[in-house]
Amino acid sequence: MSEQPTPVPSGSHGPPLQPLSRLARGGLYTALALLVLALLFGGWGAWTVFRTASSEQPTLAQLHAQQRKIDDLEQRAATLARSDQISRDANTDLQGTLAERDEEIAGLRADVAFYERFVGATAQRRGLAVHELKLLASGEQSWHFIATLTQNLNRGAVNAGRLQVSVEGTRAGKLQRLAWPDLRQQPNAPGVEFSFKYFQQVEGDLVLPADFKPTRISVRLAPQGGSAVEQSFSWADTQVPAEIPAAGAQ
């Protein structure tokens, strides 16, 4: 007898579902396992990267420590800079002091040589004379003069008297000679006193007319005993830019 076909339930429009085979189920499980492994591996990689990045970032305490180091280094640099500037200033002051000492030594040596020329055993004997004359401008038409007087002819003897100055030049195109009273702007002006054994610096002031052009200056020494002595100097040769300290009588 032949088999009868299985009747199809009414209301069904397709073939009936067949159960999965063992091979299909194995493939599905494998795919799910790979997906889970991929998720786990990706999560582990992300966690590793985050942990590495987090470990490389300094903590707040480390930042504070670094800032303290920076502040300390800046302070040391500032201290070294100040020390260097102080050293430079001290060196500059020292160089200036040494230069001043060198000038003083040179001046003392010149003084010693000057003394030896007049009071030394081998000094040439000379009478009353003007060894040097210097002029320093003290105003537009006013001048301060310093005359160095010397003598070593009479050892131990005191030379005393008065000094007067006169100036030759041109005024309004004409030659003119200004006497001591004219230069002092005082009639019958007395001369500057001097008194010394070997040398002395004598100082005084003089005033020239506004339109007067000096060319020569003369110094006249009138001692209390003996004949007067007069010496002339070029006006240009006697001018100096700075003041010369006065020396005492000897």
C-alpha atoms as a PDB file:
ATOM      1  CA  MET A   1       0.000   0.000   0.000  1.00  0.00           C
ATOM      2  CA  SER A   2       1.478   3.441  -0.909  1.00  0.00           C
ATOM      3  CA  GLU A   3       2.374   6.157   1.728  1.00  0.00           C
ATOM      4  CA  GLN A   4       0.042   9.088   2.014  1.00  0.00           C
ATOM      5  CA  PRO A   5       1.512  12.638   1.948  1.00  0.00           C
ATOM      6  CA  THR A   6       1.516  14.578   5.240  1.00  0.00           C
ATOM      7  CA  PRO A   7      -1.228  17.100   5.214  1.00  0.00           C
ATOM      8  CA  VAL A   8      -0.248  20.829   5.422  1.00  0.00           C
ATOM      9  CA  PRO A   9      -1.967  22.728   8.171  1.00  0.00           C
ATOM     10  CA  SER A  10      -4.359  25.282   6.920  1.00  0.00           C
ATOM     11  CA  GLY A  11      -3.214  28.962   7.250  1.00  0.00           C
ATOM     12  CA  SER A  12       0.515  28.152   6.586  1.00  0.00           C
ATOM     13  CA  HIS A  13       2.041  29.705   3.450  1.00  0.00           C
ATOM     14  CA  GLY A  14       5.656  28.323   3.447  1.00  0.00           C
ATOM     15  CA  PRO A  15       7.605  25.216   4.071  1.00  0.00           C
ATOM     16  CA  PRO A  16       8.085  24.157   7.690  1.00  0.00           C
ATOM     17  CA  LEU A  17      11.334  25.234   9.644  1.00  0.00           C
ATOM     18  CA  GLN A  18      14.036  22.661   9.724  1.00  0.00           C
ATOM     19  CA  PRO A  19      16.300  22.283  12.868  1.00  0.00           C
ATOM     20  CA  LEU A  20      19.982  23.495  12.512  1.00  0.00           C
ATOM     21  CA  SER A  21      22.495  20.923  11.645  1.00  0.00           C
ATOM     22  CA  ARG A  22      25.436  20.201  13.943  1.00  0.00           C
ATOM     23  CA  LEU A  23      27.879  21.858  11.497  1.00  0.00           C
ATOM     24  CA  ALA A  24      25.863  25.071  11.377  1.00  0.00           C
ATOM     25  CA  ARG A  25      25.647  25.236  15.123  1.00  0.00           C
ATOM     26  CA  GLY A  26      29.438  24.837  15.381  1.00  0.00           C
ATOM     27  CA  GLY A  27      30.061  27.739  13.002  1.00  0.00           C
ATOM     28  CA  LEU A  28      27.712  29.971  14.941  1.00  0.00           C
ATOM     29  CA  TYR A  29      29.452  29.202  18.204  1.00  0.00           C
ATOM     30  CA  THR A  30      32.826  29.907  16.638  1.00  0.00           C
ATOM     31  CA  ALA A  31      31.664  33.280  15.324  1.00  0.00           C
ATOM     32  CA  LEU A  32      30.277  34.237  18.731  1.00  0.00           C
ATOM     33  CA  ALA A  33      33.515  33.211  20.406  1.00  0.00           C
ATOM     34  CA  LEU A  34      35.574  35.293  17.977  1.00  0.00           C
ATOM     35  CA  LEU A  35      33.318  38.289  18.564  1.00  0.00           C
ATOM     36  CA  VAL A  36      33.712  37.964  22.323  1.00  0.00           C
ATOM     37  CA  LEU A  37      37.485  37.625  21.974  1.00  0.00           C
ATOM     38  CA  ALA A  38      37.615  40.685  19.734  1.00  0.00           C
ATOM     39  CA  LEU A  39      35.637  42.704  22.262  1.00  0.00           C
ATOM     40  CA  LEU A  40      37.847  41.520  25.101  1.00  0.00           C
ATOM     41  CA  PHE A  41      41.049  42.266  23.174  1.00  0.00           C
ATOM     42  CA  GLY A  42      39.829  45.728  22.160  1.00  0.00           C
ATOM     43  CA  GLY A  43      38.853  46.547  25.725  1.00  0.00           C
ATOM     44  CA  TRP A  44      42.194  45.346  27.044  1.00  0.00           C
ATOM     45  CA  GLY A  45      44.058  47.467  24.462  1.00  0.00           C
ATOM     46  CA  ALA A  46      42.050  50.580  25.291  1.00  0.00           C
ATOM     47  CA  TRP A  47      42.656  50.040  29.021  1.00  0.00           C
ATOM     48  CA  THR A  48      46.386  49.579  28.415  1.00  0.00           C
ATOM     49  CA  VAL A  49      46.637  52.799  26.380  1.00  0.00           C
ATOM     50  CA  PHE A  50      44.658  54.750  28.983  1.00  0.00           C
ATOM     51  CA  ARG A  51      46.769  53.360  31.808  1.00  0.00           C
ATOM     52  CA  THR A  52      50.008  54.235  29.959  1.00  0.00           C
ATOM     53  CA  ALA A  53      48.796  57.747  29.195  1.00  0.00           C
ATOM     54  CA  SER A  54      47.661  58.193  32.771  1.00  0.00           C
ATOM     55  CA  SER A  55      50.981  56.988  34.155  1.00  0.00           C
ATOM     56  CA  GLU A  56      52.916  59.494  31.943  1.00  0.00           C
ATOM     57  CA  GLN A  57      50.985  62.532  33.226  1.00  0.00           C
ATOM     58  CA  PRO A  58      52.666  64.181  36.290  1.00  0.00           C
ATOM     59  CA  THR A  59      50.756  64.391  39.493  1.00  0.00           C
ATOM     60  CA  LEU A  60      49.978  67.676  41.252  1.00  0.00           C
ATOM     61  CA  ALA A  61      52.714  66.997  43.788  1.00  0.00           C
ATOM     62  CA  GLN A  62      55.214  66.442  40.976  1.00  0.00           C
ATOM     63  CA  LEU A  63      54.159  69.702  39.338  1.00  0.00           C
ATOM     64  CA  HIS A  64      54.660  71.573  42.612  1.00  0.00           C
ATOM     65  CA  ALA A  65      58.076  69.971  43.053  1.00  0.00           C
ATOM     66  CA  GLN A  66      59.099  70.975  39.535  1.00  0.00           C
ATOM     67  CA  GLN A  67      57.906  74.539  40.135  1.00  0.00           C
ATOM     68  CA  ARG A  68      59.959  74.704  43.334  1.00  0.00           C
ATOM     69  CA  LYS A  69      63.022  73.553  41.396  1.00  0.00           C
ATOM     70  CA  ILE A  70      62.401  76.206  38.741  1.00  0.00           C
ATOM     71  CA  ASP A  71      61.995  78.904  41.393  1.00  0.00           C
ATOM     72  CA  ASP A  72      65.193  77.752  43.101  1.00  0.00           C
ATOM     73  CA  LEU A  73      67.148  77.828  39.834  1.00  0.00           C
ATOM     74  CA  GLU A  74      65.805  81.279  38.989  1.00  0.00           C
ATOM     75  CA  GLN A  75      66.797  82.509  42.446  1.00  0.00           C
ATOM     76  CA  ARG A  76      70.296  81.082  42.024  1.00  0.00           C
ATOM     77  CA  ALA A  77      70.608  82.692  38.603  1.00  0.00           C
ATOM     78  CA  ALA A  78      69.534  86.062  40.013  1.00  0.00           C
ATOM     79  CA  THR A  79      71.999  85.714  42.900  1.00  0.00           C
ATOM     80  CA  LEU A  80      74.823  84.850  40.514  1.00  0.00           C
ATOM     81  CA  ALA A  81      73.914  87.807  38.304  1.00  0.00           C
ATOM     82  CA  ARG A  82      73.995  90.158  41.299  1.00  0.00           C
ATOM     83  CA  SER A  83      77.300  88.688  42.459  1.00  0.00           C
ATOM     84  CA  ASP A  84      78.746  89.111  38.984  1.00  0.00           C
ATOM     85  CA  GLN A  85      77.594  92.747  38.845  1.00  0.00           C
ATOM     86  CA  ILE A  86      79.023  93.410  42.299  1.00  0.00           C
ATOM     87  CA  SER A  87      82.317  91.872  41.216  1.00  0.00           C
ATOM     88  CA  ARG A  88      82.351  93.987  38.068  1.00  0.00           C
ATOM     89  CA  ASP A  89      81.604  97.162  40.044  1.00  0.00           C
ATOM     90  CA  ALA A  90      84.279  96.295  42.594  1.00  0.00           C
ATOM     91  CA  ASN A  91      86.776  95.661  39.802  1.00  0.00           C
ATOM     92  CA  THR A  92      85.893  98.992  38.188  1.00  0.00           C
ATOM     93  CA  ASP A  93      86.340 100.785  41.511  1.00  0.00           C
ATOM     94  CA  LEU A  94      89.633  98.991  42.053  1.00  0.00           C
ATOM     95  CA  GLN A  95      90.880  99.982  38.611  1.00  0.00           C
ATOM     96  CA  GLY A  96      89.901 103.586  39.307  1.00  0.00           C
ATOM     97  CA  THR A  97      91.666 103.513  42.671  1.00  0.00           C
ATOM     98  CA  LEU A  98      94.787 102.025  41.101  1.00  0.00           C
ATOM     99  CA  ALA A  99      94.748 104.704  38.410  1.00  0.00           C
ATOM    100  CA  GLU A 100      94.468 107.398  41.085  1.00  0.00           C
ATOM    101  CA  ARG A 101      97.341 105.845  43.016  1.00  0.00           C
ATOM    102  CA  ASP A 102      99.438 105.738  39.848  1.00  0.00           C
ATOM    103  CA  GLU A 103      98.743 109.434  39.301  1.00  0.00           C
ATOM    104  CA  GLU A 104      99.652 110.207  42.906  1.00  0.00           C
ATOM    105  CA  ILE A 105     102.877 108.231  42.606  1.00  0.00           C
ATOM    106  CA  ALA A 106     103.744 110.012  39.365  1.00  0.00           C
ATOM    107  CA  GLY A 107     103.040 113.348  41.033  1.00  0.00           C
ATOM    108  CA  LEU A 108     105.192 112.465  44.034  1.00  0.00           C
ATOM    109  CA  ARG A 109     108.035 111.396  41.771  1.00  0.00           C
ATOM    110  CA  ALA A 110     107.752 114.674  39.898  1.00  0.00           C
ATOM    111  CA  ASP A 111     107.817 116.540  43.217  1.00  0.00           C
ATOM    112  CA  VAL A 112     110.901 114.629  44.344  1.00  0.00           C
ATOM    113  CA  ALA A 113     112.644 115.410  41.066  1.00  0.00           C
ATOM    114  CA  PHE A 114     111.595 119.045  41.465  1.00  0.00           C
ATOM    115  CA  TYR A 115     112.952 119.201  45.019  1.00  0.00           C
ATOM    116  CA  GLU A 116     116.228 117.589  43.986  1.00  0.00           C
ATOM    117  CA  ARG A 117     116.749 120.189  41.264  1.00  0.00           C
ATOM    118  CA  PHE A 118     116.601 122.999  43.807  1.00  0.00           C
ATOM    119  CA  VAL A 119     117.670 121.625  47.190  1.00  0.00           C
ATOM    120  CA  GLY A 120     119.797 118.615  46.215  1.00  0.00           C
ATOM    121  CA  ALA A 121     123.530 118.539  46.739  1.00  0.00           C
ATOM    122  CA  THR A 122     124.129 118.690  42.987  1.00  0.00           C
ATOM    123  CA  ALA A 123     121.432 121.285  42.246  1.00  0.00           C
ATOM    124  CA  GLN A 124     122.464 124.275  40.168  1.00  0.00           C
ATOM    125  CA  ARG A 125     122.420 127.484  42.204  1.00  0.00           C
ATOM    126  CA  ARG A 126     119.844 129.999  40.990  1.00  0.00           C
ATOM    127  CA  GLY A 127     118.411 133.159  42.395  1.00  0.00           C
ATOM    128  CA  LEU A 128     114.793 134.279  42.688  1.00  0.00           C
ATOM    129  CA  ALA A 129     112.845 133.199  39.590  1.00  0.00           C
ATOM    130  CA  VAL A 130     109.455 132.129  38.231  1.00  0.00           C
ATOM    131  CA  HIS A 131     109.810 128.421  37.548  1.00  0.00           C
ATOM    132  CA  GLU A 132     106.296 127.951  36.102  1.00  0.00           C
ATOM    133  CA  LEU A 133     103.124 129.935  35.443  1.00  0.00           C
ATOM    134  CA  LYS A 134      99.684 128.426  34.848  1.00  0.00           C
ATOM    135  CA  LEU A 135      96.379 130.111  33.957  1.00  0.00           C
ATOM    136  CA  LEU A 136      92.951 128.589  34.598  1.00  0.00           C
ATOM    137  CA  ALA A 137      89.782 130.157  33.193  1.00  0.00           C
ATOM    138  CA  SER A 138      87.310 130.995  35.969  1.00  0.00           C
ATOM    139  CA  GLY A 139      84.817 132.918  33.805  1.00  0.00           C
ATOM    140  CA  GLU A 140      84.365 134.440  30.348  1.00  0.00           C
ATOM    141  CA  GLN A 141      87.015 137.122  30.976  1.00  0.00           C
ATOM    142  CA  SER A 142      88.358 136.138  34.406  1.00  0.00           C
ATOM    143  CA  TRP A 143      91.406 133.967  35.108  1.00  0.00           C
ATOM    144  CA  HIS A 144      93.123 132.360  38.058  1.00  0.00           C
ATOM    145  CA  PHE A 145      96.913 132.210  37.935  1.00  0.00           C
ATOM    146  CA  ILE A 146      99.374 129.987  39.811  1.00  0.00           C
ATOM    147  CA  ALA A 147     103.020 131.028  39.804  1.00  0.00           C
ATOM    148  CA  THR A 148     105.722 128.679  41.111  1.00  0.00           C
ATOM    149  CA  LEU A 149     108.573 130.730  42.558  1.00  0.00           C
ATOM    150  CA  THR A 150     111.978 129.222  43.278  1.00  0.00           C
ATOM    151  CA  GLN A 151     115.455 130.094  44.569  1.00  0.00           C
ATOM    152  CA  ASN A 152     118.343 128.052  45.922  1.00  0.00           C
ATOM    153  CA  LEU A 153     121.148 130.555  45.730  1.00  0.00           C
ATOM    154  CA  ASN A 154     120.955 131.555  49.380  1.00  0.00           C
ATOM    155  CA  ARG A 155     120.297 128.314  51.251  1.00  0.00           C
ATOM    156  CA  GLY A 156     118.199 128.801  54.341  1.00  0.00           C
ATOM    157  CA  ALA A 157     117.544 132.468  53.579  1.00  0.00           C
ATOM    158  CA  VAL A 158     113.932 133.644  53.415  1.00  0.00           C
ATOM    159  CA  ASN A 159     112.867 135.424  50.239  1.00  0.00           C
ATOM    160  CA  ALA A 160     109.913 137.752  50.814  1.00  0.00           C
ATOM    161  CA  GLY A 161     108.236 140.357  48.657  1.00  0.00           C
ATOM    162  CA  ARG A 162     105.305 140.960  46.338  1.00  0.00           C
ATOM    163  CA  LEU A 163     104.260 139.609  42.949  1.00  0.00           C
ATOM    164  CA  GLN A 164     102.453 141.538  40.223  1.00  0.00           C
ATOM    165  CA  VAL A 165     101.218 140.455  36.801  1.00  0.00           C
ATOM    166  CA  SER A 166     100.799 142.393  33.561  1.00  0.00           C
ATOM    167  CA  VAL A 167      99.267 141.272  30.248  1.00  0.00           C
ATOM    168  CA  GLU A 168     100.065 142.361  26.687  1.00  0.00           C
ATOM    169  CA  GLY A 169      97.629 142.036  23.796  1.00  0.00           C
ATOM    170  CA  THR A 170      95.446 143.867  21.287  1.00  0.00           C
ATOM    171  CA  ARG A 171      92.327 145.928  21.779  1.00  0.00           C
ATOM    172  CA  ALA A 172      90.362 147.425  18.898  1.00  0.00           C
ATOM    173  CA  GLY A 173      93.252 146.507  16.611  1.00  0.00           C
ATOM    174  CA  LYS A 174      95.870 148.291  18.738  1.00  0.00           C
ATOM    175  CA  LEU A 175      98.602 146.960  21.005  1.00  0.00           C
ATOM    176  CA  GLN A 176      97.905 147.482  24.685  1.00  0.00           C
ATOM    177  CA  ARG A 177      99.496 146.543  27.983  1.00  0.00           C
ATOM    178  CA  LEU A 178      97.305 146.019  31.051  1.00  0.00           C
ATOM    179  CA  ALA A 179      99.071 146.688  34.348  1.00  0.00           C
ATOM    180  CA  TRP A 180      98.353 144.967  37.656  1.00  0.00           C
ATOM    181  CA  PRO A 181      95.787 147.598  38.843  1.00  0.00           C
ATOM    182  CA  ASP A 182      93.956 147.225  35.482  1.00  0.00           C
ATOM    183  CA  LEU A 183      93.818 143.445  35.836  1.00  0.00           C
ATOM    184  CA  ARG A 184      92.636 143.702  39.431  1.00  0.00           C
ATOM    185  CA  GLN A 185      90.183 146.507  38.562  1.00  0.00           C
ATOM    186  CA  GLN A 186      91.462 148.353  41.606  1.00  0.00           C
ATOM    187  CA  PRO A 187      93.669 151.481  41.598  1.00  0.00           C
ATOM    188  CA  ASN A 188      96.938 151.083  43.503  1.00  0.00           C
ATOM    189  CA  ALA A 189      96.196 147.363  44.007  1.00  0.00           C
ATOM    190  CA  PRO A 190      98.972 145.739  46.079  1.00  0.00           C
ATOM    191  CA  GLY A 191     100.784 142.739  44.703  1.00  0.00           C
ATOM    192  CA  VAL A 192     100.438 139.196  46.031  1.00  0.00           C
ATOM    193  CA  GLU A 193     102.786 138.508  48.924  1.00  0.00           C
ATOM    194  CA  PHE A 194     105.339 135.696  48.841  1.00  0.00           C
ATOM    195  CA  SER A 195     107.744 134.360  51.463  1.00  0.00           C
ATOM    196  CA  PHE A 196     109.766 131.144  51.141  1.00  0.00           C
ATOM    197  CA  LYS A 197     113.212 129.558  51.382  1.00  0.00           C
ATOM    198  CA  TYR A 198     113.328 127.291  48.336  1.00  0.00           C
ATOM    199  CA  PHE A 199     110.011 127.413  46.455  1.00  0.00           C
ATOM    200  CA  GLN A 200     106.384 128.533  46.759  1.00  0.00           C
ATOM    201  CA  GLN A 201     103.212 128.577  44.673  1.00  0.00           C
ATOM    202  CA  VAL A 202     101.582 132.009  44.632  1.00  0.00           C
ATOM    203  CA  GLU A 203      98.003 132.402  43.383  1.00  0.00           C
ATOM    204  CA  GLY A 204      95.781 135.278  42.333  1.00  0.00           C
ATOM    205  CA  ASP A 205      92.969 136.374  40.023  1.00  0.00           C
ATOM    206  CA  LEU A 206      92.778 138.798  37.127  1.00  0.00           C
ATOM    207  CA  VAL A 207      90.056 140.160  34.837  1.00  0.00           C
ATOM    208  CA  LEU A 208      90.460 141.130  31.173  1.00  0.00           C
ATOM    209  CA  PRO A 209      88.296 143.621  29.221  1.00  0.00           C
ATOM    210  CA  ALA A 210      85.686 141.989  26.994  1.00  0.00           C
ATOM    211  CA  ASP A 211      87.317 143.156  23.734  1.00  0.00           C
ATOM    212  CA  PHE A 212      90.901 142.463  24.801  1.00  0.00           C
ATOM    213  CA  LYS A 213      92.885 139.646  23.154  1.00  0.00           C
ATOM    214  CA  PRO A 214      95.897 138.598  25.277  1.00  0.00           C
ATOM    215  CA  THR A 215      99.143 137.384  23.717  1.00  0.00           C
ATOM    216  CA  ARG A 216     101.742 137.492  26.535  1.00  0.00           C
ATOM    217  CA  ILE A 217     101.759 137.624  30.328  1.00  0.00           C
ATOM    218  CA  SER A 218     104.598 138.907  32.525  1.00  0.00           C
ATOM    219  CA  VAL A 219     105.330 138.267  36.198  1.00  0.00           C
ATOM    220  CA  ARG A 220     107.279 140.815  38.238  1.00  0.00           C
ATOM    221  CA  LEU A 221     108.818 139.796  41.569  1.00  0.00           C
ATOM    222  CA  ALA A 222     109.782 142.629  43.890  1.00  0.00           C
ATOM    223  CA  PRO A 223     111.728 141.225  46.870  1.00  0.00           C
ATOM    224  CA  GLN A 224     112.139 143.199  50.063  1.00  0.00           C
ATOM    225  CA  GLY A 225     115.873 143.222  49.510  1.00  0.00           C
ATOM    226  CA  GLY A 226     117.525 143.211  46.120  1.00  0.00           C
ATOM    227  CA  SER A 227     116.500 143.966  42.573  1.00  0.00           C
ATOM    228  CA  ALA A 228     113.140 143.121  41.020  1.00  0.00           C
ATOM    229  CA  VAL A 229     112.890 140.143  38.659  1.00  0.00           C
ATOM    230  CA  GLU A 230     110.532 140.021  35.655  1.00  0.00           C
ATOM    231  CA  GLN A 231     109.776 137.069  33.349  1.00  0.00           C
ATOM    232  CA  SER A 232     107.396 136.792  30.384  1.00  0.00           C
ATOM    233  CA  PHE A 233     105.408 133.823  29.065  1.00  0.00           C
ATOM    234  CA  SER A 234     103.230 133.170  26.032  1.00  0.00           C
ATOM    235  CA  TRP A 235      99.555 133.436  26.992  1.00  0.00           C
ATOM    236  CA  ALA A 236      98.665 130.279  25.070  1.00  0.00           C
ATOM    237  CA  ASP A 237     101.427 128.234  26.719  1.00  0.00           C
ATOM    238  CA  THR A 238     100.256 129.032  30.246  1.00  0.00           C
ATOM    239  CA  GLN A 239      96.642 127.851  29.916  1.00  0.00           C
ATOM    240  CA  VAL A 240      95.608 124.508  31.452  1.00  0.00           C
ATOM    241  CA  PRO A 241      92.192 122.736  31.308  1.00  0.00           C
ATOM    242  CA  ALA A 242      91.979 121.672  34.954  1.00  0.00           C
ATOM    243  CA  GLU A 243      92.749 123.177  38.305  1.00  0.00           C
ATOM    244  CA  ILE A 244      96.178 122.586  39.803  1.00  0.00           C
ATOM    245  CA  PRO A 245      96.288 122.020  43.567  1.00  0.00           C
ATOM    246  CA  ALA A 246      98.331 124.602  45.387  1.00  0.00           C
ATOM    247  CA  ALA A 247     101.461 123.620  47.247  1.00  0.00           C
ATOM    248  CA  GLY A 248     102.779 125.169  50.429  1.00  0.00           C
ATOM    249  CA  ALA A 249     105.880 127.218  50.807  1.00  0.00           C
ATOM    250  CA  GLN A 250     109.252 125.579  51.448  1.00  0.00           C
END
